[in-house]
Amino acid sequence: MGSGLWRDLAELVRSAGLAGRLPPVRGRVAEYVAEFDRVVAPIMARFGAHAYLDDATYEVCAKLSFLLAAYATTAGVPFRTDIAVLGGAVARVYDDLIDSADIPDDTTDDTTDDSTDDSTDARVAGLFSGEAVTPRTTRERVLHALYRELERQLARDRDDPVYAALLALHDNQIRSRTQRDPAISPATLTEITRAKGGHAMVVFVGLLHPGMTERQVAVARELGAVLQLLDDYVDVAADRRSGITTSATRHDLTLAHICRQLRSLRPALRACLGRDQPLSAVLYLTLWFALLRHRCPGWPARHRPFRVLVRVTRERVRSVNSRREPA
């Protein structure tokens, strides 16, 4: 067995107290896929962003929806599937835009440069600040359309904590480009990692939780910081190939460390939200999936269990919808 596996398994067993009853997975995935097709897909199609209508995007939105549904139940706030899938879609397009990742040609046009630069960063900041901003590329137009629809559905005042967290997240996503410098200091790396994950979690749970208190924001930040470490642990092989420095690529992070952090956070969740379930159960399941992903870096994404479930569900939903259409 690989180095550290027994240690990680031992910590997962010690973390079994986080486990609890999970929602019906297949039924929930069908709900999220159907809502994505209703709310998000028409916006993507309108701008010709068909490359985003793939299993990967559906998977991102379904995973986020599972997490947010668990948070909503734990915090005692209503869960809205439309807002959850819109949030996932915005995150997917935003990550591509900020990271300047390559995407197929049908999401770009022949008249504009689809690369990311300082002006792109400023336009995105303007969008998140509520300014009237004109997008310059296809990818930006898709992001603007999705974000404006999300903003319309939220119907919040600008002083809601979700907006401050969104701007802080954007600032730290830009700072995170320094992670391409292998000489980045441990202190700076830790600061950026915690800020990215922390502000992202405040944004995500804030979509469903209007008017969060300072205490609720603080707990969400702590949870997000741990989940960012979990993402870095899972993505260590890909980050090494891309030249991105994380605590995982520096061999300073183990799953055991993340397990201990989640266990130590549980009392704060209970004190702040009144309980920790079913959120803790979803987090515990995520730990096991993270172990599998980390230990099997060559496992093709299209064959991963959740991706397969999303693909099968999409086909089933399309089949049902086609039978409902008038001849």
C-alpha atoms as a PDB file:
ATOM      1  CA  MET A   1       0.000   0.000   0.000  1.00  0.00           C
ATOM      2  CA  GLY A   2       1.113   3.554  -0.774  1.00  0.00           C
ATOM      3  CA  SER A   3       2.853   5.752   1.745  1.00  0.00           C
ATOM      4  CA  GLY A   4       0.494   7.155   4.339  1.00  0.00           C
ATOM      5  CA  LEU A   5      -2.538   5.127   3.268  1.00  0.00           C
ATOM      6  CA  TRP A   6      -2.935   3.339   6.593  1.00  0.00           C
ATOM      7  CA  ARG A   7      -2.619   6.651   8.411  1.00  0.00           C
ATOM      8  CA  ASP A   8      -5.326   8.228   6.233  1.00  0.00           C
ATOM      9  CA  LEU A   9      -7.628   5.226   6.637  1.00  0.00           C
ATOM     10  CA  ALA A  10      -7.160   5.352  10.396  1.00  0.00           C
ATOM     11  CA  GLU A  11      -8.171   9.029  10.454  1.00  0.00           C
ATOM     12  CA  LEU A  12     -11.196   8.311   8.282  1.00  0.00           C
ATOM     13  CA  VAL A  13     -12.280   5.657  10.772  1.00  0.00           C
ATOM     14  CA  ARG A  14     -11.764   8.117  13.637  1.00  0.00           C
ATOM     15  CA  SER A  15     -13.925  10.585  11.702  1.00  0.00           C
ATOM     16  CA  ALA A  16     -16.823   8.135  11.358  1.00  0.00           C
ATOM     17  CA  GLY A  17     -18.785  10.185  13.874  1.00  0.00           C
ATOM     18  CA  LEU A  18     -19.332  12.685  11.065  1.00  0.00           C
ATOM     19  CA  ALA A  19     -21.334  10.097   9.146  1.00  0.00           C
ATOM     20  CA  GLY A  20     -25.096  10.297   9.026  1.00  0.00           C
ATOM     21  CA  ARG A  21     -28.072   9.654   6.802  1.00  0.00           C
ATOM     22  CA  LEU A  22     -27.574  10.821   3.226  1.00  0.00           C
ATOM     23  CA  PRO A  23     -30.348  11.968   0.891  1.00  0.00           C
ATOM     24  CA  PRO A  24     -31.404   9.686  -1.999  1.00  0.00           C
ATOM     25  CA  VAL A  25     -28.542  10.315  -4.389  1.00  0.00           C
ATOM     26  CA  ARG A  26     -30.131   9.230  -7.682  1.00  0.00           C
ATOM     27  CA  GLY A  27     -33.301  11.203  -7.098  1.00  0.00           C
ATOM     28  CA  ARG A  28     -31.394  14.329  -6.151  1.00  0.00           C
ATOM     29  CA  VAL A  29     -29.121  14.097  -9.201  1.00  0.00           C
ATOM     30  CA  ALA A  30     -32.186  13.821 -11.449  1.00  0.00           C
ATOM     31  CA  GLU A  31     -33.626  16.929  -9.792  1.00  0.00           C
ATOM     32  CA  TYR A  32     -30.411  18.901 -10.267  1.00  0.00           C
ATOM     33  CA  VAL A  33     -29.961  17.798 -13.882  1.00  0.00           C
ATOM     34  CA  ALA A  34     -33.532  18.722 -14.762  1.00  0.00           C
ATOM     35  CA  GLU A  35     -33.176  22.143 -13.142  1.00  0.00           C
ATOM     36  CA  PHE A  36     -29.898  22.761 -14.947  1.00  0.00           C
ATOM     37  CA  ASP A  37     -31.620  21.982 -18.242  1.00  0.00           C
ATOM     38  CA  ARG A  38     -34.447  24.361 -17.350  1.00  0.00           C
ATOM     39  CA  VAL A  39     -32.459  27.301 -15.987  1.00  0.00           C
ATOM     40  CA  VAL A  40     -28.836  27.155 -17.138  1.00  0.00           C
ATOM     41  CA  ALA A  41     -28.758  25.308 -20.470  1.00  0.00           C
ATOM     42  CA  PRO A  42     -30.885  27.875 -22.355  1.00  0.00           C
ATOM     43  CA  ILE A  43     -28.479  30.657 -21.334  1.00  0.00           C
ATOM     44  CA  MET A  44     -25.462  28.604 -22.417  1.00  0.00           C
ATOM     45  CA  ALA A  45     -27.113  27.751 -25.737  1.00  0.00           C
ATOM     46  CA  ARG A  46     -28.112  31.361 -26.394  1.00  0.00           C
ATOM     47  CA  PHE A  47     -24.460  32.382 -26.418  1.00  0.00           C
ATOM     48  CA  GLY A  48     -23.217  29.336 -28.307  1.00  0.00           C
ATOM     49  CA  ALA A  49     -21.363  27.987 -25.262  1.00  0.00           C
ATOM     50  CA  HIS A  50     -22.265  24.395 -26.087  1.00  0.00           C
ATOM     51  CA  ALA A  51     -18.930  23.082 -24.807  1.00  0.00           C
ATOM     52  CA  TYR A  52     -20.131  23.853 -21.284  1.00  0.00           C
ATOM     53  CA  LEU A  53     -23.167  21.616 -21.724  1.00  0.00           C
ATOM     54  CA  ASP A  54     -21.081  18.563 -20.889  1.00  0.00           C
ATOM     55  CA  ASP A  55     -20.941  16.018 -18.094  1.00  0.00           C
ATOM     56  CA  ALA A  56     -18.235  17.998 -16.286  1.00  0.00           C
ATOM     57  CA  THR A  57     -20.410  21.101 -15.905  1.00  0.00           C
ATOM     58  CA  TYR A  58     -23.428  19.065 -14.831  1.00  0.00           C
ATOM     59  CA  GLU A  59     -21.228  17.256 -12.315  1.00  0.00           C
ATOM     60  CA  VAL A  60     -19.928  20.521 -10.823  1.00  0.00           C
ATOM     61  CA  CYS A  61     -23.461  21.839 -10.411  1.00  0.00           C
ATOM     62  CA  ALA A  62     -24.787  18.573  -8.961  1.00  0.00           C
ATOM     63  CA  LYS A  63     -21.953  18.293  -6.415  1.00  0.00           C
ATOM     64  CA  LEU A  64     -22.410  21.893  -5.295  1.00  0.00           C
ATOM     65  CA  SER A  65     -26.161  21.372  -5.062  1.00  0.00           C
ATOM     66  CA  PHE A  66     -25.662  18.349  -2.781  1.00  0.00           C
ATOM     67  CA  LEU A  67     -23.429  20.397  -0.496  1.00  0.00           C
ATOM     68  CA  LEU A  68     -25.755  23.406  -0.440  1.00  0.00           C
ATOM     69  CA  ALA A  69     -28.847  21.274   0.131  1.00  0.00           C
ATOM     70  CA  ALA A  70     -27.128  19.711   3.141  1.00  0.00           C
ATOM     71  CA  TYR A  71     -26.111  23.136   4.423  1.00  0.00           C
ATOM     72  CA  ALA A  72     -29.624  24.507   3.974  1.00  0.00           C
ATOM     73  CA  THR A  73     -31.149  21.663   5.962  1.00  0.00           C
ATOM     74  CA  THR A  74     -28.500  22.012   8.672  1.00  0.00           C
ATOM     75  CA  ALA A  75     -28.916  25.789   8.928  1.00  0.00           C
ATOM     76  CA  GLY A  76     -32.697  25.665   8.650  1.00  0.00           C
ATOM     77  CA  VAL A  77     -32.916  27.836   5.531  1.00  0.00           C
ATOM     78  CA  PRO A  78     -34.858  27.076   2.324  1.00  0.00           C
ATOM     79  CA  PHE A  79     -33.013  25.280  -0.451  1.00  0.00           C
ATOM     80  CA  ARG A  80     -33.548  26.564  -3.991  1.00  0.00           C
ATOM     81  CA  THR A  81     -32.330  24.269  -6.732  1.00  0.00           C
ATOM     82  CA  ASP A  82     -32.380  27.006  -9.370  1.00  0.00           C
ATOM     83  CA  ILE A  83     -30.007  29.188  -7.353  1.00  0.00           C
ATOM     84  CA  ALA A  84     -27.730  26.226  -6.578  1.00  0.00           C
ATOM     85  CA  VAL A  85     -27.277  25.208 -10.228  1.00  0.00           C
ATOM     86  CA  LEU A  86     -26.862  28.823 -11.324  1.00  0.00           C
ATOM     87  CA  GLY A  87     -24.176  29.252  -8.673  1.00  0.00           C
ATOM     88  CA  GLY A  88     -22.389  26.149  -9.917  1.00  0.00           C
ATOM     89  CA  ALA A  89     -22.542  27.314 -13.530  1.00  0.00           C
ATOM     90  CA  VAL A  90     -21.207  30.770 -12.639  1.00  0.00           C
ATOM     91  CA  ALA A  91     -18.339  29.147 -10.736  1.00  0.00           C
ATOM     92  CA  ARG A  92     -17.517  26.843 -13.667  1.00  0.00           C
ATOM     93  CA  VAL A  93     -17.351  29.643 -16.246  1.00  0.00           C
ATOM     94  CA  TYR A  94     -15.621  32.047 -13.847  1.00  0.00           C
ATOM     95  CA  ASP A  95     -12.852  29.540 -13.098  1.00  0.00           C
ATOM     96  CA  ASP A  96     -12.207  29.087 -16.827  1.00  0.00           C
ATOM     97  CA  LEU A  97     -12.183  32.825 -17.402  1.00  0.00           C
ATOM     98  CA  ILE A  98      -9.846  33.674 -14.530  1.00  0.00           C
ATOM     99  CA  ASP A  99      -7.527  30.737 -15.145  1.00  0.00           C
ATOM    100  CA  SER A 100      -7.601  31.393 -18.908  1.00  0.00           C
ATOM    101  CA  ALA A 101      -8.146  27.683 -19.471  1.00  0.00           C
ATOM    102  CA  ASP A 102      -8.454  26.452 -23.046  1.00  0.00           C
ATOM    103  CA  ILE A 103     -11.945  25.507 -24.135  1.00  0.00           C
ATOM    104  CA  PRO A 104     -13.252  24.278 -27.508  1.00  0.00           C
ATOM    105  CA  ASP A 105     -13.611  26.788 -30.350  1.00  0.00           C
ATOM    106  CA  ASP A 106     -17.408  26.862 -30.273  1.00  0.00           C
ATOM    107  CA  THR A 107     -17.294  28.950 -27.093  1.00  0.00           C
ATOM    108  CA  THR A 108     -15.205  31.716 -28.656  1.00  0.00           C
ATOM    109  CA  ASP A 109     -15.723  34.059 -31.571  1.00  0.00           C
ATOM    110  CA  ASP A 110     -13.516  35.357 -34.383  1.00  0.00           C
ATOM    111  CA  THR A 111     -13.612  39.019 -33.430  1.00  0.00           C
ATOM    112  CA  THR A 112     -12.322  39.144 -29.860  1.00  0.00           C
ATOM    113  CA  ASP A 113      -9.380  37.898 -27.866  1.00  0.00           C
ATOM    114  CA  ASP A 114     -10.649  35.328 -25.356  1.00  0.00           C
ATOM    115  CA  SER A 115      -7.532  35.454 -23.192  1.00  0.00           C
ATOM    116  CA  THR A 116      -7.467  36.783 -19.656  1.00  0.00           C
ATOM    117  CA  ASP A 117      -5.679  40.042 -18.837  1.00  0.00           C
ATOM    118  CA  ASP A 118      -5.909  42.907 -16.391  1.00  0.00           C
ATOM    119  CA  SER A 119      -8.873  44.415 -18.225  1.00  0.00           C
ATOM    120  CA  THR A 120     -10.749  41.128 -17.927  1.00  0.00           C
ATOM    121  CA  ASP A 121     -10.099  41.096 -14.186  1.00  0.00           C
ATOM    122  CA  ALA A 122     -11.396  44.663 -13.937  1.00  0.00           C
ATOM    123  CA  ARG A 123     -14.532  43.907 -15.944  1.00  0.00           C
ATOM    124  CA  VAL A 124     -15.332  40.902 -13.765  1.00  0.00           C
ATOM    125  CA  ALA A 125     -14.782  43.027 -10.642  1.00  0.00           C
ATOM    126  CA  GLY A 126     -17.125  45.606 -12.105  1.00  0.00           C
ATOM    127  CA  LEU A 127     -19.741  42.954 -12.788  1.00  0.00           C
ATOM    128  CA  PHE A 128     -19.557  41.697  -9.211  1.00  0.00           C
ATOM    129  CA  SER A 129     -19.702  45.283  -7.925  1.00  0.00           C
ATOM    130  CA  GLY A 130     -22.996  45.932  -9.697  1.00  0.00           C
ATOM    131  CA  GLU A 131     -21.559  48.247 -12.344  1.00  0.00           C
ATOM    132  CA  ALA A 132     -22.726  48.453 -15.941  1.00  0.00           C
ATOM    133  CA  VAL A 133     -19.959  46.506 -17.670  1.00  0.00           C
ATOM    134  CA  THR A 134     -19.776  45.496 -21.318  1.00  0.00           C
ATOM    135  CA  PRO A 135     -18.316  41.999 -21.807  1.00  0.00           C
ATOM    136  CA  ARG A 136     -15.773  41.668 -24.616  1.00  0.00           C
ATOM    137  CA  THR A 137     -15.588  37.930 -25.247  1.00  0.00           C
ATOM    138  CA  THR A 138     -17.983  35.051 -25.581  1.00  0.00           C
ATOM    139  CA  ARG A 139     -16.872  33.571 -22.288  1.00  0.00           C
ATOM    140  CA  GLU A 140     -17.419  36.895 -20.554  1.00  0.00           C
ATOM    141  CA  ARG A 141     -20.871  37.225 -22.118  1.00  0.00           C
ATOM    142  CA  VAL A 142     -21.846  33.806 -20.791  1.00  0.00           C
ATOM    143  CA  LEU A 143     -20.569  34.706 -17.319  1.00  0.00           C
ATOM    144  CA  HIS A 144     -22.430  38.022 -17.369  1.00  0.00           C
ATOM    145  CA  ALA A 145     -25.696  36.418 -18.458  1.00  0.00           C
ATOM    146  CA  LEU A 146     -25.500  33.672 -15.822  1.00  0.00           C
ATOM    147  CA  TYR A 147     -24.472  36.075 -13.071  1.00  0.00           C
ATOM    148  CA  ARG A 148     -27.187  38.614 -13.913  1.00  0.00           C
ATOM    149  CA  GLU A 149     -29.812  35.870 -13.769  1.00  0.00           C
ATOM    150  CA  LEU A 150     -28.425  34.672 -10.437  1.00  0.00           C
ATOM    151  CA  GLU A 151     -28.433  38.217  -9.114  1.00  0.00           C
ATOM    152  CA  ARG A 152     -32.018  38.682 -10.269  1.00  0.00           C
ATOM    153  CA  GLN A 153     -33.126  35.498  -8.527  1.00  0.00           C
ATOM    154  CA  LEU A 154     -31.342  36.496  -5.303  1.00  0.00           C
ATOM    155  CA  ALA A 155     -33.000  39.940  -5.239  1.00  0.00           C
ATOM    156  CA  ARG A 156     -30.672  41.113  -2.441  1.00  0.00           C
ATOM    157  CA  ASP A 157     -29.473  44.518  -1.335  1.00  0.00           C
ATOM    158  CA  ARG A 158     -25.810  45.188  -2.075  1.00  0.00           C
ATOM    159  CA  ASP A 159     -24.979  45.202   1.626  1.00  0.00           C
ATOM    160  CA  ASP A 160     -25.703  41.469   1.926  1.00  0.00           C
ATOM    161  CA  PRO A 161     -22.499  39.634   3.009  1.00  0.00           C
ATOM    162  CA  VAL A 162     -22.549  37.506  -0.140  1.00  0.00           C
ATOM    163  CA  TYR A 163     -21.432  40.464  -2.282  1.00  0.00           C
ATOM    164  CA  ALA A 164     -18.496  41.453  -0.079  1.00  0.00           C
ATOM    165  CA  ALA A 165     -17.374  37.808  -0.045  1.00  0.00           C
ATOM    166  CA  LEU A 166     -17.665  37.609  -3.832  1.00  0.00           C
ATOM    167  CA  LEU A 167     -15.403  40.620  -4.356  1.00  0.00           C
ATOM    168  CA  ALA A 168     -12.924  39.307  -1.785  1.00  0.00           C
ATOM    169  CA  LEU A 169     -12.945  35.941  -3.550  1.00  0.00           C
ATOM    170  CA  HIS A 170     -12.214  37.598  -6.891  1.00  0.00           C
ATOM    171  CA  ASP A 171      -9.293  39.535  -5.407  1.00  0.00           C
ATOM    172  CA  ASN A 172      -7.800  36.364  -3.972  1.00  0.00           C
ATOM    173  CA  GLN A 173      -8.342  34.382  -7.169  1.00  0.00           C
ATOM    174  CA  ILE A 174      -6.205  36.986  -8.917  1.00  0.00           C
ATOM    175  CA  ARG A 175      -3.596  36.750  -6.130  1.00  0.00           C
ATOM    176  CA  SER A 176      -3.583  32.981  -6.489  1.00  0.00           C
ATOM    177  CA  ARG A 177      -1.788  33.300  -9.827  1.00  0.00           C
ATOM    178  CA  THR A 178       1.350  33.765  -7.725  1.00  0.00           C
ATOM    179  CA  GLN A 179       1.016  30.051  -6.934  1.00  0.00           C
ATOM    180  CA  ARG A 180       2.718  29.487 -10.280  1.00  0.00           C
ATOM    181  CA  ASP A 181       5.889  30.740  -8.613  1.00  0.00           C
ATOM    182  CA  PRO A 182       7.564  27.705  -7.004  1.00  0.00           C
ATOM    183  CA  ALA A 183       9.329  30.076  -4.584  1.00  0.00           C
ATOM    184  CA  ILE A 184       6.106  31.389  -3.055  1.00  0.00           C
ATOM    185  CA  SER A 185       6.531  31.580   0.714  1.00  0.00           C
ATOM    186  CA  PRO A 186       4.664  29.120   2.965  1.00  0.00           C
ATOM    187  CA  ALA A 187       2.965  32.009   4.786  1.00  0.00           C
ATOM    188  CA  THR A 188       1.692  33.583   1.556  1.00  0.00           C
ATOM    189  CA  LEU A 189       0.565  30.207   0.222  1.00  0.00           C
ATOM    190  CA  THR A 190      -1.370  29.482   3.406  1.00  0.00           C
ATOM    191  CA  GLU A 191      -2.966  32.924   3.378  1.00  0.00           C
ATOM    192  CA  ILE A 192      -4.110  32.657  -0.241  1.00  0.00           C
ATOM    193  CA  THR A 193      -5.389  29.104   0.199  1.00  0.00           C
ATOM    194  CA  ARG A 194      -7.453  29.977   3.266  1.00  0.00           C
ATOM    195  CA  ALA A 195      -8.799  33.155   1.677  1.00  0.00           C
ATOM    196  CA  LYS A 196      -9.827  31.467  -1.579  1.00  0.00           C
ATOM    197  CA  GLY A 197     -11.629  28.620   0.106  1.00  0.00           C
ATOM    198  CA  GLY A 198     -13.078  30.711   2.886  1.00  0.00           C
ATOM    199  CA  HIS A 199     -14.590  33.439   0.728  1.00  0.00           C
ATOM    200  CA  ALA A 200     -15.842  30.876  -1.817  1.00  0.00           C
ATOM    201  CA  MET A 201     -17.751  29.009   0.892  1.00  0.00           C
ATOM    202  CA  VAL A 202     -19.310  32.229   2.191  1.00  0.00           C
ATOM    203  CA  VAL A 203     -20.466  32.997  -1.354  1.00  0.00           C
ATOM    204  CA  PHE A 204     -21.907  29.536  -1.926  1.00  0.00           C
ATOM    205  CA  VAL A 205     -23.802  29.150   1.344  1.00  0.00           C
ATOM    206  CA  GLY A 206     -24.693  32.839   1.222  1.00  0.00           C
ATOM    207  CA  LEU A 207     -26.665  32.187  -1.958  1.00  0.00           C
ATOM    208  CA  LEU A 208     -29.194  30.352   0.196  1.00  0.00           C
ATOM    209  CA  HIS A 209     -28.626  32.150   3.496  1.00  0.00           C
ATOM    210  CA  PRO A 210     -29.435  35.871   3.225  1.00  0.00           C
ATOM    211  CA  GLY A 211     -28.207  38.248   5.895  1.00  0.00           C
ATOM    212  CA  MET A 212     -25.650  35.895   7.436  1.00  0.00           C
ATOM    213  CA  THR A 213     -24.330  37.025  10.816  1.00  0.00           C
ATOM    214  CA  GLU A 214     -20.635  37.656  11.416  1.00  0.00           C
ATOM    215  CA  ARG A 215     -20.459  34.416  13.355  1.00  0.00           C
ATOM    216  CA  GLN A 216     -22.065  32.437  10.531  1.00  0.00           C
ATOM    217  CA  VAL A 217     -19.705  34.044   8.015  1.00  0.00           C
ATOM    218  CA  ALA A 218     -16.696  33.164  10.189  1.00  0.00           C
ATOM    219  CA  VAL A 219     -17.706  29.503  10.477  1.00  0.00           C
ATOM    220  CA  ALA A 220     -18.354  29.292   6.726  1.00  0.00           C
ATOM    221  CA  ARG A 221     -14.888  30.717   6.111  1.00  0.00           C
ATOM    222  CA  GLU A 222     -13.282  28.086   8.322  1.00  0.00           C
ATOM    223  CA  LEU A 223     -15.176  25.317   6.543  1.00  0.00           C
ATOM    224  CA  GLY A 224     -14.217  26.712   3.142  1.00  0.00           C
ATOM    225  CA  ALA A 225     -10.562  26.885   4.109  1.00  0.00           C
ATOM    226  CA  VAL A 226     -10.591  23.177   4.963  1.00  0.00           C
ATOM    227  CA  LEU A 227     -12.433  22.259   1.768  1.00  0.00           C
ATOM    228  CA  GLN A 228      -9.877  24.204  -0.272  1.00  0.00           C
ATOM    229  CA  LEU A 229      -7.187  22.034   1.279  1.00  0.00           C
ATOM    230  CA  LEU A 230      -9.258  19.004   0.309  1.00  0.00           C
ATOM    231  CA  ASP A 231      -9.416  20.250  -3.289  1.00  0.00           C
ATOM    232  CA  ASP A 232      -5.646  20.749  -3.289  1.00  0.00           C
ATOM    233  CA  TYR A 233      -5.186  17.223  -1.915  1.00  0.00           C
ATOM    234  CA  VAL A 234      -7.354  15.774  -4.704  1.00  0.00           C
ATOM    235  CA  ASP A 235      -5.792  17.877  -7.480  1.00  0.00           C
ATOM    236  CA  VAL A 236      -2.158  17.392  -6.474  1.00  0.00           C
ATOM    237  CA  ALA A 237      -1.178  15.469  -9.616  1.00  0.00           C
ATOM    238  CA  ALA A 238      -2.881  17.935 -11.969  1.00  0.00           C
ATOM    239  CA  ASP A 239      -1.417  20.914 -10.103  1.00  0.00           C
ATOM    240  CA  ARG A 240       2.092  19.477 -10.416  1.00  0.00           C
ATOM    241  CA  ARG A 241       1.624  19.061 -14.162  1.00  0.00           C
ATOM    242  CA  SER A 242       0.361  22.655 -14.427  1.00  0.00           C
ATOM    243  CA  GLY A 243       3.132  24.124 -12.294  1.00  0.00           C
ATOM    244  CA  ILE A 244       0.777  25.276  -9.534  1.00  0.00           C
ATOM    245  CA  THR A 245       2.193  25.257  -6.012  1.00  0.00           C
ATOM    246  CA  THR A 246      -0.004  24.088  -3.146  1.00  0.00           C
ATOM    247  CA  SER A 247       0.698  22.618   0.253  1.00  0.00           C
ATOM    248  CA  ALA A 248      -0.117  19.242  -1.321  1.00  0.00           C
ATOM    249  CA  THR A 249       2.477  19.601  -4.097  1.00  0.00           C
ATOM    250  CA  ARG A 250       4.999  20.482  -1.390  1.00  0.00           C
ATOM    251  CA  HIS A 251       4.132  17.274   0.496  1.00  0.00           C
ATOM    252  CA  ASP A 252       2.906  19.346   3.455  1.00  0.00           C
ATOM    253  CA  LEU A 253      -0.678  18.068   3.380  1.00  0.00           C
ATOM    254  CA  THR A 254      -2.295  14.730   4.173  1.00  0.00           C
ATOM    255  CA  LEU A 255      -5.872  13.538   4.276  1.00  0.00           C
ATOM    256  CA  ALA A 256      -5.355  12.757   7.942  1.00  0.00           C
ATOM    257  CA  HIS A 257      -4.645  16.448   8.563  1.00  0.00           C
ATOM    258  CA  ILE A 258      -7.861  17.431   6.761  1.00  0.00           C
ATOM    259  CA  CYS A 259      -9.893  14.859   8.708  1.00  0.00           C
ATOM    260  CA  ARG A 260      -8.660  16.279  11.992  1.00  0.00           C
ATOM    261  CA  GLN A 261      -9.543  19.804  10.906  1.00  0.00           C
ATOM    262  CA  LEU A 262     -13.085  18.810   9.973  1.00  0.00           C
ATOM    263  CA  ARG A 263     -13.565  17.010  13.283  1.00  0.00           C
ATOM    264  CA  SER A 264     -12.334  20.050  15.191  1.00  0.00           C
ATOM    265  CA  LEU A 265     -14.737  22.267  13.238  1.00  0.00           C
ATOM    266  CA  ARG A 266     -17.800  20.200  14.143  1.00  0.00           C
ATOM    267  CA  PRO A 267     -18.464  21.873  17.538  1.00  0.00           C
ATOM    268  CA  ALA A 268     -18.369  25.307  15.874  1.00  0.00           C
ATOM    269  CA  LEU A 269     -20.917  24.164  13.292  1.00  0.00           C
ATOM    270  CA  ARG A 270     -23.200  22.896  16.035  1.00  0.00           C
ATOM    271  CA  ALA A 271     -22.834  26.053  18.112  1.00  0.00           C
ATOM    272  CA  CYS A 272     -23.463  28.325  15.129  1.00  0.00           C
ATOM    273  CA  LEU A 273     -26.135  26.412  13.180  1.00  0.00           C
ATOM    274  CA  GLY A 274     -27.720  24.439  16.013  1.00  0.00           C
ATOM    275  CA  ARG A 275     -26.590  21.080  14.578  1.00  0.00           C
ATOM    276  CA  ASP A 276     -24.095  19.689  12.090  1.00  0.00           C
ATOM    277  CA  GLN A 277     -26.171  17.121  10.197  1.00  0.00           C
ATOM    278  CA  PRO A 278     -26.720  16.412   7.365  1.00  0.00           C
ATOM    279  CA  LEU A 279     -23.807  18.678   6.385  1.00  0.00           C
ATOM    280  CA  SER A 280     -21.267  16.543   8.276  1.00  0.00           C
ATOM    281  CA  ALA A 281     -22.496  13.408   6.506  1.00  0.00           C
ATOM    282  CA  VAL A 282     -21.925  14.953   3.067  1.00  0.00           C
ATOM    283  CA  LEU A 283     -18.488  16.156   4.157  1.00  0.00           C
ATOM    284  CA  TYR A 284     -17.579  12.679   5.404  1.00  0.00           C
ATOM    285  CA  LEU A 285     -18.615  11.100   2.118  1.00  0.00           C
ATOM    286  CA  THR A 286     -16.514  13.725   0.331  1.00  0.00           C
ATOM    287  CA  LEU A 287     -13.468  12.647   2.352  1.00  0.00           C
ATOM    288  CA  TRP A 288     -13.789   9.076   1.083  1.00  0.00           C
ATOM    289  CA  PHE A 289     -14.188  10.211  -2.527  1.00  0.00           C
ATOM    290  CA  ALA A 290     -11.143  12.438  -2.073  1.00  0.00           C
ATOM    291  CA  LEU A 291      -9.079   9.459  -0.926  1.00  0.00           C
ATOM    292  CA  LEU A 292     -10.088   7.477  -4.022  1.00  0.00           C
ATOM    293  CA  ARG A 293      -9.319  10.392  -6.348  1.00  0.00           C
ATOM    294  CA  HIS A 294      -5.963  11.040  -4.732  1.00  0.00           C
ATOM    295  CA  ARG A 295      -4.915   7.378  -4.744  1.00  0.00           C
ATOM    296  CA  CYS A 296      -6.078   6.819  -8.340  1.00  0.00           C
ATOM    297  CA  PRO A 297      -4.822   9.918 -10.208  1.00  0.00           C
ATOM    298  CA  GLY A 298      -4.952   8.136 -13.553  1.00  0.00           C
ATOM    299  CA  TRP A 299      -8.636   7.226 -13.201  1.00  0.00           C
ATOM    300  CA  PRO A 300     -10.331   8.831 -16.251  1.00  0.00           C
ATOM    301  CA  ALA A 301     -12.860  11.451 -15.189  1.00  0.00           C
ATOM    302  CA  ARG A 302     -15.520  10.012 -17.494  1.00  0.00           C
ATOM    303  CA  HIS A 303     -15.405   6.712 -15.567  1.00  0.00           C
ATOM    304  CA  ARG A 304     -15.640   8.137 -12.042  1.00  0.00           C
ATOM    305  CA  PRO A 305     -18.801   6.940 -10.264  1.00  0.00           C
ATOM    306  CA  PHE A 306     -20.448  10.331  -9.799  1.00  0.00           C
ATOM    307  CA  ARG A 307     -19.670  11.393 -13.376  1.00  0.00           C
ATOM    308  CA  VAL A 308     -21.163   8.137 -14.661  1.00  0.00           C
ATOM    309  CA  LEU A 309     -24.274   8.697 -12.531  1.00  0.00           C
ATOM    310  CA  VAL A 310     -24.638  12.218 -13.932  1.00  0.00           C
ATOM    311  CA  ARG A 311     -24.245  10.959 -17.499  1.00  0.00           C
ATOM    312  CA  VAL A 312     -26.804   8.187 -17.076  1.00  0.00           C
ATOM    313  CA  THR A 313     -29.210  10.584 -15.382  1.00  0.00           C
ATOM    314  CA  ARG A 314     -28.854  13.128 -18.172  1.00  0.00           C
ATOM    315  CA  GLU A 315     -29.706  10.476 -20.737  1.00  0.00           C
ATOM    316  CA  ARG A 316     -32.701   9.368 -18.705  1.00  0.00           C
ATOM    317  CA  VAL A 317     -33.987  12.928 -18.268  1.00  0.00           C
ATOM    318  CA  ARG A 318     -33.590  13.641 -21.975  1.00  0.00           C
ATOM    319  CA  SER A 319     -35.441  10.430 -22.815  1.00  0.00           C
ATOM    320  CA  VAL A 320     -38.327  11.315 -20.511  1.00  0.00           C
ATOM    321  CA  ASN A 321     -38.533  14.851 -21.895  1.00  0.00           C
ATOM    322  CA  SER A 322     -38.502  13.626 -25.492  1.00  0.00           C
ATOM    323  CA  ARG A 323     -41.455  11.336 -24.790  1.00  0.00           C
ATOM    324  CA  ARG A 324     -43.350  14.280 -23.305  1.00  0.00           C
ATOM    325  CA  GLU A 325     -42.871  16.474 -26.371  1.00  0.00           C
ATOM    326  CA  PRO A 326     -45.860  16.601 -28.732  1.00  0.00           C
ATOM    327  CA  ALA A 327     -45.487  14.646 -31.936  1.00  0.00           C
END
